[in-house]
Amino acid sequence: MPRWKQRLKQSAADMLKLPPDALLDVPRITCVDGKNVVVENAGGLLKVEAEQVLLNLGKEILIIRGRDFEVTLVTEREVHLSGAVNQIEFVRDGRGAP
């Protein structure tokens, strides 16, 4: 998205006092009961294992740790996981991801 469009959306969100995820393409993570995770605006899966899932969020990497993970849905901008979630971690610059 061109930079000016991003700034326009940011200004509109600020002026209307909307949360950033309402107009901007920022990642949104929803975890329900520690068993189901939905990641919106995800850039894609980097690694899927039974105990760990890594997702590309653009400037960040999302690491979800736990057990018995299963990817239930992958779309262009959304990933759904099920399993027992123990930890959710952001790695801001992409360094340090296993």
Protein backbone atom coordinates (compact mmCIF):
# COMPACT_ATOMS: atom_id res chain seq x y z
CA MET A 1 0.00 0.00 0.00
CA PRO A 2 1.39 3.43 -0.88
CA ARG A 3 2.73 5.41 2.06
CA TRP A 4 0.21 8.26 1.67
CA LYS A 5 -2.73 5.83 1.84
CA GLN A 6 -1.32 4.35 5.03
CA ARG A 7 -0.97 7.84 6.56
CA LEU A 8 -4.51 8.74 5.49
CA LYS A 9 -5.91 5.60 7.11
CA GLN A 10 -3.90 6.28 10.27
CA SER A 11 -5.20 9.86 10.43
CA ALA A 12 -8.80 8.70 9.92
CA ALA A 13 -8.45 6.08 12.66
CA ASP A 14 -6.96 8.68 15.02
CA MET A 15 -9.60 11.30 14.22
CA LEU A 16 -12.49 8.85 14.64
CA LYS A 17 -10.87 7.38 17.76
CA LEU A 18 -11.00 3.89 16.27
CA PRO A 19 -8.66 1.08 17.31
CA PRO A 20 -5.73 0.59 14.90
CA ASP A 21 -7.07 -2.71 13.58
CA ALA A 22 -10.32 -1.13 12.36
CA LEU A 23 -8.81 0.56 9.30
CA LEU A 24 -5.16 -0.43 9.23
CA ASP A 25 -3.69 -3.73 8.11
CA VAL A 26 -2.13 -4.56 11.46
CA PRO A 27 -1.90 -8.10 12.85
CA ARG A 28 -4.68 -9.16 15.18
CA ILE A 29 -4.36 -12.22 17.39
CA THR A 30 -7.36 -13.80 19.09
CA CYS A 31 -6.87 -16.64 21.54
CA VAL A 32 -9.99 -18.33 22.89
CA ASP A 33 -9.71 -20.44 26.06
CA GLY A 34 -6.02 -21.12 25.37
CA LYS A 35 -7.04 -23.68 22.74
CA ASN A 36 -7.95 -21.85 19.53
CA VAL A 37 -5.90 -19.07 17.95
CA VAL A 38 -6.89 -16.86 15.01
CA VAL A 39 -4.23 -14.59 13.51
CA GLU A 40 -5.58 -11.99 11.08
CA ASN A 41 -3.35 -10.10 8.64
CA ALA A 42 -0.67 -12.76 8.91
CA GLY A 43 1.95 -12.82 6.19
CA GLY A 44 2.21 -16.61 6.22
CA LEU A 45 3.37 -19.64 8.12
CA LEU A 46 7.11 -19.97 8.66
CA LYS A 47 7.23 -23.15 10.72
CA VAL A 48 4.65 -25.61 12.02
CA GLU A 49 5.46 -28.22 14.64
CA ALA A 50 3.39 -29.97 17.29
CA GLU A 51 4.92 -27.75 20.03
CA GLN A 52 5.55 -24.50 18.15
CA VAL A 53 4.17 -22.40 15.29
CA LEU A 54 5.95 -19.40 13.74
CA LEU A 55 4.06 -16.84 11.67
CA ASN A 56 5.35 -13.95 9.58
CA LEU A 57 3.65 -10.68 10.54
CA GLY A 58 5.76 -8.45 8.31
CA LYS A 59 8.12 -6.62 10.66
CA GLU A 60 7.55 -9.14 13.44
CA ILE A 61 7.52 -12.89 13.88
CA LEU A 62 4.85 -14.42 16.08
CA ILE A 63 5.87 -17.51 18.01
CA ILE A 64 3.12 -19.61 19.58
CA ARG A 65 4.31 -22.33 21.95
CA GLY A 66 2.36 -25.16 23.51
CA ARG A 67 1.42 -28.67 22.43
CA ASP A 68 -0.68 -30.62 19.96
CA PHE A 69 -0.91 -27.77 17.43
CA GLU A 70 -2.89 -28.28 14.28
CA VAL A 71 -3.44 -25.73 11.54
CA THR A 72 -7.17 -25.78 10.82
CA LEU A 73 -7.43 -23.00 8.21
CA VAL A 74 -5.07 -20.89 6.12
CA THR A 75 -6.30 -18.11 3.85
CA GLU A 76 -4.49 -15.26 2.16
CA ARG A 77 -4.54 -13.11 5.33
CA GLU A 78 -5.71 -15.40 8.13
CA VAL A 79 -4.43 -18.46 10.01
CA HIS A 80 -6.44 -20.61 12.44
CA LEU A 81 -4.74 -22.97 14.90
CA SER A 82 -5.96 -25.38 17.54
CA GLY A 83 -3.96 -26.89 20.39
CA ALA A 84 -2.93 -26.11 23.95
CA VAL A 85 -1.36 -22.62 24.01
CA ASN A 86 1.24 -21.98 26.71
CA GLN A 87 2.99 -18.87 25.37
CA ILE A 88 2.61 -16.23 22.66
CA GLU A 89 5.71 -14.20 21.83
CA PHE A 90 6.54 -11.40 19.39
CA VAL A 91 10.05 -11.09 17.97
CA ARG A 92 10.14 -7.50 16.73
CA ASP A 93 12.99 -7.54 14.22
CA GLY A 94 12.87 -11.16 13.15
CA ARG A 95 16.08 -12.03 14.97
CA GLY A 96 16.16 -14.71 17.60
CA ALA A 97 13.44 -16.88 16.11
CA PRO A 98 14.30 -20.57 16.35
